[in-house]
C-alpha cells in the first residue's frame, strides 16, 4: 500500500492532524518515522527526499545495526553492506613521538563484526521503500513555518498544507528549522579541515578491515565495501583537500596508494569524489516545547570513530523507547525532559571525545603527542581497557 499523498486543491488549504510530525527525510528522519509509526502513532514525515548523487557511505556499528533490524530494513540492506571485523589505527605522522599500531578484532567483544559499511543511497532507498509500504503520511513539501504552542504544534508547508501535531521531531540537519522554532541555541565551531570522500576499487582484498592512518592534518581512512572496493575519507587542511580534489583520477589514485602504503594494492577511483568541510555543533538542549531534536539537528562533529549517524540512531532509539505505548500525548513536558536527560551524557561525551581526538592529532606540542601515544600504547597492551573502549564505540554498554 502506498503512503497517502496530500496536495493543495485549488485555493483550499488542506489540514492534517497527526500524533507526531517528523521534519527531515535523511537517514535519521526516515528511521524516526518508521520507528514511531511502529509504536502505534499516526505519523507525518515532512520534507523532500534525500538528495540523489550522494556517494558517501556510513559505517554503522552494532547498536545501529540492531536498531535497523528492529525497524525491519536490515534484511534488504545486508547484501549491499560490508562487515567491519577489524579496526586498525596506524600512526602516519612521522613525528618525534609516534604511537604504536593498534588493531581491534570484533571477536574480542564476542561480535562477528563491529558493524557494517553501507552506501548512504542504499540506506535511504531501503528506508523510503519501508515508508511507502506503511501508513506513514509522506509529504514531500518543505516546512516553511513552525509554531510550537503549549498544547500542540502547527506546521505550514510550501504547498500550503497545514499539519497539526502533538510532537514535532526535528531531523532537519544542522540548520534545523525545528530547532530555530523551539528557540534552542547551539554551540558551534569550525576546523580548518575538509574531507575528501570517494569510492575506490583495488587489487588486494581488504579482509574486512577498516584502516585509519593518523596524519598531521587529519585521519586518512579506508573502510571496506563488498568485493575489492573501499570507501575513502581523507581529512586534511582545506588547502590540501582542495588540491587533492582537483587532481585527475590517475594522479589522485597514485596519491591514495602512496598514502596507504599500498596495503590495498593498485588503486582506481570508482565514481565521483566529493568534498565536505568539517565543523562541530551541539545544541544547548535536545528538547523544547512540543519538540525534540535528533541527528544533525542536535549534534555535528568530524568523521572520526564512525560516531555521527550511529549517534543519530541512538537518538531515535531512545525517543522510540520513551514514546512506547502509544501514549495519549507524546509531547508532554515531562516526556520531553526525559528525552533531553537521557541523551545528554551520550551526546556531550562523544562530541567531546571526537573533538579532543581530532585536536590532539593536529597538535605539534610534544606533551600532547606523548599523551596520545601513551593512550594508544595502553590500548595495545591492556586487553580489559581495549574491550571497554570497543564496547563503548559500538554502544554495547
Protein backbone atom coordinates (compact mmCIF):
# COMPACT_ATOMS: atom_id res chain seq x y z
CA UNK A 1 0.00 0.00 0.00
CA UNK A 2 1.42 3.36 -0.98
CA UNK A 3 1.75 6.11 1.60
CA UNK A 4 -1.07 8.68 1.38
CA UNK A 5 -0.36 11.81 -0.68
CA UNK A 6 -1.80 15.19 0.35
CA UNK A 7 -1.83 18.05 -2.12
CA UNK A 8 -3.28 21.51 -2.39
CA UNK A 9 -6.61 21.56 -4.23
CA UNK A 10 -7.33 24.97 -5.65
CA UNK A 11 -7.38 27.76 -3.05
CA UNK A 12 -8.41 25.48 -0.17
CA UNK A 13 -5.72 24.70 2.40
CA UNK A 14 -5.53 21.00 3.30
CA UNK A 15 -5.34 20.48 7.06
CA UNK A 16 -3.94 17.30 8.53
CA UNK A 17 -3.83 16.25 12.17
CA UNK A 18 -1.33 13.63 13.38
CA UNK A 19 0.23 12.49 16.63
CA UNK A 20 3.84 13.11 15.55
CA UNK A 21 5.34 15.09 12.67
CA UNK A 22 8.92 14.29 11.68
CA UNK A 23 10.61 17.14 9.79
CA UNK A 24 13.56 15.99 7.69
CA UNK A 25 13.93 12.99 5.37
CA UNK A 26 17.55 11.97 5.64
CA UNK A 27 18.55 8.58 7.10
CA UNK A 28 17.72 9.69 10.66
CA UNK A 29 14.36 11.29 9.91
CA UNK A 30 13.19 8.36 7.78
CA UNK A 31 14.13 5.88 10.50
CA UNK A 32 12.40 8.02 13.14
CA UNK A 33 9.19 7.96 11.13
CA UNK A 34 9.28 4.18 10.83
CA UNK A 35 10.11 3.58 14.50
CA UNK A 36 7.40 5.92 15.81
CA UNK A 37 4.78 4.60 13.39
CA UNK A 38 5.59 1.06 14.55
CA UNK A 39 4.83 2.22 18.11
CA UNK A 40 1.27 2.94 17.05
CA UNK A 41 1.34 6.68 16.34
CA UNK A 42 -0.16 8.46 13.35
CA UNK A 43 2.98 9.96 11.80
CA UNK A 44 3.57 12.56 9.10
CA UNK A 45 7.03 12.62 7.50
CA UNK A 46 7.77 16.06 6.06
CA UNK A 47 10.44 17.09 3.57
CA UNK A 48 11.84 16.34 0.12
CA UNK A 49 13.65 13.07 -0.47
CA UNK A 50 17.34 13.00 0.39
CA UNK A 51 19.45 14.36 -2.45
CA UNK A 52 20.48 11.93 -5.15
CA UNK A 53 24.12 11.53 -6.08
CA UNK A 54 25.38 11.12 -2.52
CA UNK A 55 28.16 8.56 -2.91
CA UNK A 56 29.16 8.58 0.74
CA UNK A 57 28.89 5.52 2.93
CA UNK A 58 28.13 5.13 6.63
CA UNK A 59 29.94 2.76 8.96
CA UNK A 60 27.06 1.65 11.15
CA UNK A 61 28.16 -0.11 14.31
CA UNK A 62 26.50 -2.93 16.21
CA UNK A 63 24.00 -0.79 18.08
CA UNK A 64 22.78 0.88 14.87
CA UNK A 65 22.55 -2.47 13.05
CA UNK A 66 20.40 -3.81 15.90
CA UNK A 67 18.16 -0.77 15.52
CA UNK A 68 17.82 -1.31 11.74
CA UNK A 69 16.85 -4.92 12.42
CA UNK A 70 14.19 -3.74 14.89
CA UNK A 71 12.57 -1.43 12.30
CA UNK A 72 12.65 -4.18 9.66
CA UNK A 73 15.07 -2.87 7.00
CA UNK A 74 18.28 -4.77 7.69
CA UNK A 75 17.46 -7.82 5.51
CA UNK A 76 17.17 -5.51 2.49
CA UNK A 77 20.42 -3.68 3.32
CA UNK A 78 22.67 -6.62 4.18
CA UNK A 79 23.56 -7.63 0.56
CA UNK A 80 24.97 -4.15 -0.13
CA UNK A 81 26.85 -3.89 3.18
CA UNK A 82 30.39 -4.95 4.06
CA UNK A 83 31.27 -6.26 7.53
CA UNK A 84 33.83 -4.44 9.67
CA UNK A 85 35.56 -7.21 11.59
CA UNK A 86 38.82 -5.45 12.36
CA UNK A 87 39.66 -1.80 13.00
CA UNK A 88 43.29 -0.75 12.63
CA UNK A 89 44.89 2.57 13.66
CA UNK A 90 48.27 3.48 12.11
CA UNK A 91 50.34 6.48 13.20
CA UNK A 92 51.50 8.08 9.94
CA UNK A 93 52.56 11.42 11.43
CA UNK A 94 56.38 10.97 11.24
CA UNK A 95 56.61 12.98 14.47
CA UNK A 96 59.18 12.56 17.21
CA UNK A 97 56.68 10.73 19.42
CA UNK A 98 54.76 8.12 17.45
CA UNK A 99 52.08 5.77 18.68
CA UNK A 100 52.19 2.01 18.09
CA UNK A 101 49.89 0.45 15.51
CA UNK A 102 46.73 -0.83 17.18
CA UNK A 103 44.32 -3.40 15.76
CA UNK A 104 40.95 -4.22 17.30
CA UNK A 105 39.18 -7.50 16.47
CA UNK A 106 35.41 -7.83 16.90
CA UNK A 107 35.78 -11.32 18.37
CA UNK A 108 37.38 -9.72 21.44
CA UNK A 109 33.92 -8.49 22.46
CA UNK A 110 32.12 -11.56 21.10
CA UNK A 111 30.82 -9.94 17.92
CA UNK A 112 31.04 -11.35 14.42
CA UNK A 113 31.59 -7.75 13.22
CA UNK A 114 31.82 -4.32 14.84
CA UNK A 115 29.28 -3.20 12.26
CA UNK A 116 28.81 -2.76 8.52
CA UNK A 117 29.71 -0.13 5.95
CA UNK A 118 26.63 0.78 3.90
CA UNK A 119 26.24 3.17 0.93
CA UNK A 120 24.03 6.08 2.01
CA UNK A 121 21.98 5.79 -1.17
CA UNK A 122 21.12 2.16 -0.39
CA UNK A 123 20.21 3.06 3.18
CA UNK A 124 17.87 5.87 2.13
CA UNK A 125 16.24 3.71 -0.58
CA UNK A 126 15.55 0.90 1.88
CA UNK A 127 14.01 3.31 4.39
CA UNK A 128 11.90 5.08 1.76
CA UNK A 129 10.63 1.71 0.49
CA UNK A 130 9.60 0.70 4.01
CA UNK A 131 7.75 4.00 4.41
CA UNK A 132 5.91 3.56 1.10
CA UNK A 133 4.51 0.29 2.45
CA UNK A 134 3.40 1.79 5.75
CA UNK A 135 0.60 4.08 6.94
CA UNK A 136 3.01 6.99 7.36
CA UNK A 137 1.80 10.18 5.67
CA UNK A 138 4.71 11.07 3.38
CA UNK A 139 4.77 14.76 2.42
CA UNK A 140 7.46 15.98 0.04
CA UNK A 141 6.83 19.71 0.58
CA UNK A 142 9.13 21.82 2.77
CA UNK A 143 8.19 23.16 6.20
CA UNK A 144 8.09 26.96 5.87
CA UNK A 145 6.55 27.92 9.20
CA UNK A 146 6.64 26.04 12.51
CA UNK A 147 4.69 27.19 15.56
CA UNK A 148 5.17 25.41 18.88
CA UNK A 149 2.47 26.06 21.48
CA UNK A 150 1.83 24.52 24.87
CA UNK A 151 -0.93 22.22 23.63
CA UNK A 152 0.17 21.40 20.06
CA UNK A 153 2.46 22.27 17.15
CA UNK A 154 1.41 23.66 13.77
CA UNK A 155 3.46 23.39 10.59
CA UNK A 156 2.70 25.16 7.32
CA UNK A 157 4.25 23.58 4.23
CA UNK A 158 5.42 25.11 0.97
CA UNK A 159 2.34 23.69 -0.80
CA UNK A 160 0.08 25.47 1.76
CA UNK A 161 -0.78 22.25 3.58
CA UNK A 162 -1.16 22.69 7.34
CA UNK A 163 -0.09 19.95 9.74
CA UNK A 164 -1.08 19.88 13.40
CA UNK A 165 0.83 17.52 15.73
CA UNK A 166 1.28 16.75 19.40
CA UNK A 167 5.03 16.39 18.88
CA UNK A 168 7.50 17.58 16.22
CA UNK A 169 10.72 15.65 15.70
CA UNK A 170 13.46 17.85 14.25
CA UNK A 171 15.57 15.67 11.96
CA UNK A 172 16.24 18.52 9.56
CA UNK A 173 20.00 18.86 9.83
CA UNK A 174 22.47 21.35 11.21
CA UNK A 175 20.41 24.40 10.10
CA UNK A 176 17.28 22.94 11.69
CA UNK A 177 14.08 24.95 11.32
CA UNK A 178 12.57 22.97 14.20
CA UNK A 179 15.47 23.95 16.46
CA UNK A 180 15.04 27.60 15.48
CA UNK A 181 11.29 27.48 16.15
CA UNK A 182 11.98 25.96 19.58
CA UNK A 183 14.41 28.77 20.39
CA UNK A 184 17.23 26.34 21.15
CA UNK A 185 20.71 27.86 20.95
CA UNK A 186 23.77 25.98 19.75
CA UNK A 187 27.49 25.90 20.35
CA UNK A 188 29.33 25.84 17.01
CA UNK A 189 32.96 25.63 15.98
CA UNK A 190 34.93 25.24 12.75
CA UNK A 191 38.07 23.38 11.76
CA UNK A 192 40.50 24.32 9.01
CA UNK A 193 39.80 20.87 7.61
CA UNK A 194 37.77 19.25 4.86
CA UNK A 195 37.11 15.62 3.99
CA UNK A 196 37.65 14.20 0.52
CA UNK A 197 35.27 11.27 0.04
CA UNK A 198 35.47 8.72 -2.77
CA UNK A 199 34.87 5.07 -3.60
CA UNK A 200 37.91 3.03 -4.57
CA UNK A 201 38.50 -0.19 -6.48
CA UNK A 202 41.70 -2.04 -5.59
CA UNK A 203 43.61 -5.19 -6.44
CA UNK A 204 44.22 -6.60 -2.96
CA UNK A 205 41.48 -7.70 -0.52
CA UNK A 206 40.67 -5.50 2.46
CA UNK A 207 40.00 -8.57 4.66
CA UNK A 208 37.03 -6.82 6.33
CA UNK A 209 39.48 -4.41 7.96
CA UNK A 210 38.94 -0.68 8.29
CA UNK A 211 42.27 1.14 8.48
CA UNK A 212 42.66 4.67 9.83
CA UNK A 213 46.01 6.36 9.19
CA UNK A 214 46.62 9.29 11.54
CA UNK A 215 48.32 12.10 9.61
CA UNK A 216 49.43 15.55 10.85
CA UNK A 217 46.37 17.21 9.26
CA UNK A 218 43.70 14.60 9.93
CA UNK A 219 42.78 10.93 9.54
CA UNK A 220 43.02 9.05 6.24
CA UNK A 221 40.52 6.19 6.47
CA UNK A 222 39.83 3.19 4.23
CA UNK A 223 36.54 1.42 5.01
CA UNK A 224 35.56 -1.89 3.35
CA UNK A 225 32.80 -2.25 0.78
CA UNK A 226 31.68 -5.55 -0.82
CA UNK A 227 34.32 -7.09 -3.05
CA UNK A 228 37.65 -5.39 -3.71
CA UNK A 229 36.20 -1.94 -3.11
CA UNK A 230 36.53 0.52 -0.23
CA UNK A 231 35.32 3.92 0.87
CA UNK A 232 37.91 6.65 1.33
CA UNK A 233 37.58 9.51 3.83
CA UNK A 234 40.73 11.65 3.57
CA UNK A 235 40.71 14.56 6.02
CA UNK A 236 43.23 17.34 5.57
CA UNK A 237 43.53 21.10 5.69
CA UNK A 238 41.16 23.00 3.44
CA UNK A 239 44.04 23.89 1.12
CA UNK A 240 45.32 20.29 0.92
CA UNK A 241 41.87 18.88 0.28
CA UNK A 242 41.12 21.43 -2.43
CA UNK A 243 44.37 20.48 -4.18
CA UNK A 244 43.67 16.75 -3.92
CA UNK A 245 40.13 17.18 -5.22
CA UNK A 246 41.47 18.94 -8.31
CA UNK A 247 43.73 16.02 -9.30
CA UNK A 248 42.94 13.81 -12.27
CA UNK A 249 41.70 10.35 -11.31
CA UNK A 250 45.03 8.68 -12.05
CA UNK A 251 47.01 11.20 -10.02
CA UNK A 252 44.59 11.03 -7.10
CA UNK A 253 44.69 7.21 -7.16
CA UNK A 254 48.50 7.33 -7.06
CA UNK A 255 48.42 9.72 -4.09
CA UNK A 256 45.99 7.44 -2.25
CA UNK A 257 48.11 4.37 -2.94
CA UNK A 258 51.21 6.17 -1.66
CA UNK A 259 49.47 7.47 1.48
CA UNK A 260 48.11 3.98 2.26
CA UNK A 261 51.50 2.30 1.74
CA UNK A 262 49.84 0.15 -0.98
CA UNK A 263 48.02 -2.01 1.58
CA UNK A 264 45.18 -2.44 -0.93
CA UNK A 265 47.44 -2.79 -3.97
CA UNK A 266 46.79 -0.76 -7.11
CA UNK A 267 44.01 1.83 -6.68
CA UNK A 268 41.38 3.16 -9.09
CA UNK A 269 38.80 5.88 -8.42
CA UNK A 270 35.37 4.28 -8.78
CA UNK A 271 32.85 7.11 -9.29
CA UNK A 272 32.96 10.79 -8.43
CA UNK A 273 34.71 12.34 -5.46
CA UNK A 274 33.05 14.76 -3.01
CA UNK A 275 34.40 17.32 -0.54
CA UNK A 276 32.80 18.22 2.79
CA UNK A 277 34.07 20.93 5.18
CA UNK A 278 34.45 19.83 8.80
CA UNK A 279 32.64 21.59 11.61
CA UNK A 280 31.22 20.90 15.04
CA UNK A 281 27.92 21.80 16.68
CA UNK A 282 25.99 20.81 19.78
CA UNK A 283 22.51 22.04 20.67
CA UNK A 284 22.21 23.52 24.17
CA UNK A 285 19.08 21.42 24.68
CA UNK A 286 17.70 18.41 22.83
CA UNK A 287 14.04 19.14 23.51
CA UNK A 288 11.82 22.21 23.58
CA UNK A 289 8.12 22.99 23.62
CA UNK A 290 6.38 20.13 21.75
CA UNK A 291 9.68 19.28 20.02
CA UNK A 292 12.78 17.10 20.14
CA UNK A 293 15.99 17.17 18.11
CA UNK A 294 17.68 14.11 16.60
CA UNK A 295 20.66 13.56 14.32
CA UNK A 296 22.49 16.60 12.96
CA UNK A 297 19.77 18.92 14.26
CA UNK A 298 21.23 18.05 17.69
CA UNK A 299 24.92 17.34 17.06
CA UNK A 300 27.60 17.56 14.37
CA UNK A 301 31.25 16.53 14.56
CA UNK A 302 34.14 15.29 12.37
CA UNK A 303 34.10 11.81 10.76
CA UNK A 304 36.30 10.17 13.38
CA UNK A 305 35.43 6.87 15.03
CA UNK A 306 32.26 6.37 12.96
CA UNK A 307 30.07 8.09 15.54
CA UNK A 308 27.87 10.56 13.60
CA UNK A 309 24.97 8.57 12.16
CA UNK A 310 25.32 5.97 14.91
CA UNK A 311 24.66 8.72 17.46
CA UNK A 312 21.63 9.84 15.47
CA UNK A 313 20.18 6.34 15.52
CA UNK A 314 20.67 6.20 19.28
CA UNK A 315 18.68 9.45 19.48
CA UNK A 316 15.84 7.79 17.58
CA UNK A 317 16.06 4.56 19.57
CA UNK A 318 15.82 6.46 22.86
CA UNK A 319 12.88 8.50 21.55
CA UNK A 320 11.01 5.38 20.44
CA UNK A 321 11.56 3.77 23.86
CA UNK A 322 10.25 6.83 25.71
CA UNK A 323 7.23 7.06 23.40
CA UNK A 324 6.37 3.35 23.60
CA UNK A 325 2.75 2.66 24.26
CA UNK A 326 1.49 4.54 22.37
CA UNK A 327 0.72 7.28 24.88
CA UNK A 328 -2.21 9.66 24.52
CA UNK A 329 0.06 12.72 24.32
CA UNK A 330 3.67 12.12 23.17
CA UNK A 331 4.61 15.80 23.53
CA UNK A 332 4.16 16.44 27.25
CA UNK A 333 6.82 18.46 29.03
CA UNK A 334 7.86 15.64 31.37
CA UNK A 335 8.30 13.19 28.48
CA UNK A 336 10.43 15.68 26.52
CA UNK A 337 12.51 16.47 29.60
CA UNK A 338 13.15 12.74 29.97
CA UNK A 339 14.43 12.59 26.37
CA UNK A 340 16.75 15.55 26.92
CA UNK A 341 18.15 13.97 30.07
CA UNK A 342 18.51 10.53 28.51
CA UNK A 343 20.52 11.81 25.52
CA UNK A 344 22.67 14.46 27.18
CA UNK A 345 25.53 12.37 28.59
CA UNK A 346 25.94 10.27 25.44
CA UNK A 347 25.94 13.24 23.05
CA UNK A 348 28.15 15.50 25.15
CA UNK A 349 30.72 12.81 25.97
CA UNK A 350 31.08 11.55 22.40
CA UNK A 351 31.22 15.04 20.93
CA UNK A 352 33.96 15.97 23.40
CA UNK A 353 35.85 12.73 22.72
CA UNK A 354 35.83 13.17 18.93
CA UNK A 355 36.80 16.85 19.17
CA UNK A 356 39.64 16.06 21.57
CA UNK A 357 40.98 13.24 19.40
CA UNK A 358 40.94 15.46 16.34
CA UNK A 359 42.69 18.35 18.09
CA UNK A 360 45.29 16.03 19.64
CA UNK A 361 46.08 14.66 16.21
CA UNK A 362 46.60 18.18 14.84
CA UNK A 363 48.74 19.37 17.76
CA UNK A 364 52.52 19.75 17.38
CA UNK A 365 53.02 20.03 21.15
CA UNK A 366 55.21 17.19 22.46
CA UNK A 367 53.20 16.69 25.70
CA UNK A 368 50.00 16.25 23.66
CA UNK A 369 51.74 13.84 21.30
CA UNK A 370 53.03 11.92 24.31
CA UNK A 371 49.56 11.60 25.87
CA UNK A 372 48.12 10.40 22.56
CA UNK A 373 50.93 7.88 22.08
CA UNK A 374 50.58 6.59 25.64
CA UNK A 375 46.85 6.15 25.21
CA UNK A 376 47.28 4.03 22.08
CA UNK A 377 50.11 2.09 23.74
CA UNK A 378 47.84 1.20 26.67
CA UNK A 379 45.06 0.18 24.30
CA UNK A 380 47.52 -2.10 22.51
CA UNK A 381 48.83 -3.71 25.70
CA UNK A 382 45.83 -3.86 28.08
CA UNK A 383 43.05 -6.19 26.84
CA UNK A 384 40.50 -5.14 29.52
CA UNK A 385 40.90 -1.48 28.53
CA UNK A 386 40.63 -2.44 24.85
CA UNK A 387 37.35 -4.25 25.49
CA UNK A 388 35.86 -1.31 27.41
CA UNK A 389 36.78 1.08 24.57
CA UNK A 390 35.41 -1.28 21.91
CA UNK A 391 32.13 -1.77 23.80
CA UNK A 392 31.79 2.00 24.21
CA UNK A 393 32.47 2.51 20.49
CA UNK A 394 29.73 0.14 19.34
CA UNK A 395 27.36 1.31 22.12
CA UNK A 396 27.27 -2.06 23.88
CA UNK A 397 27.41 -0.51 27.35
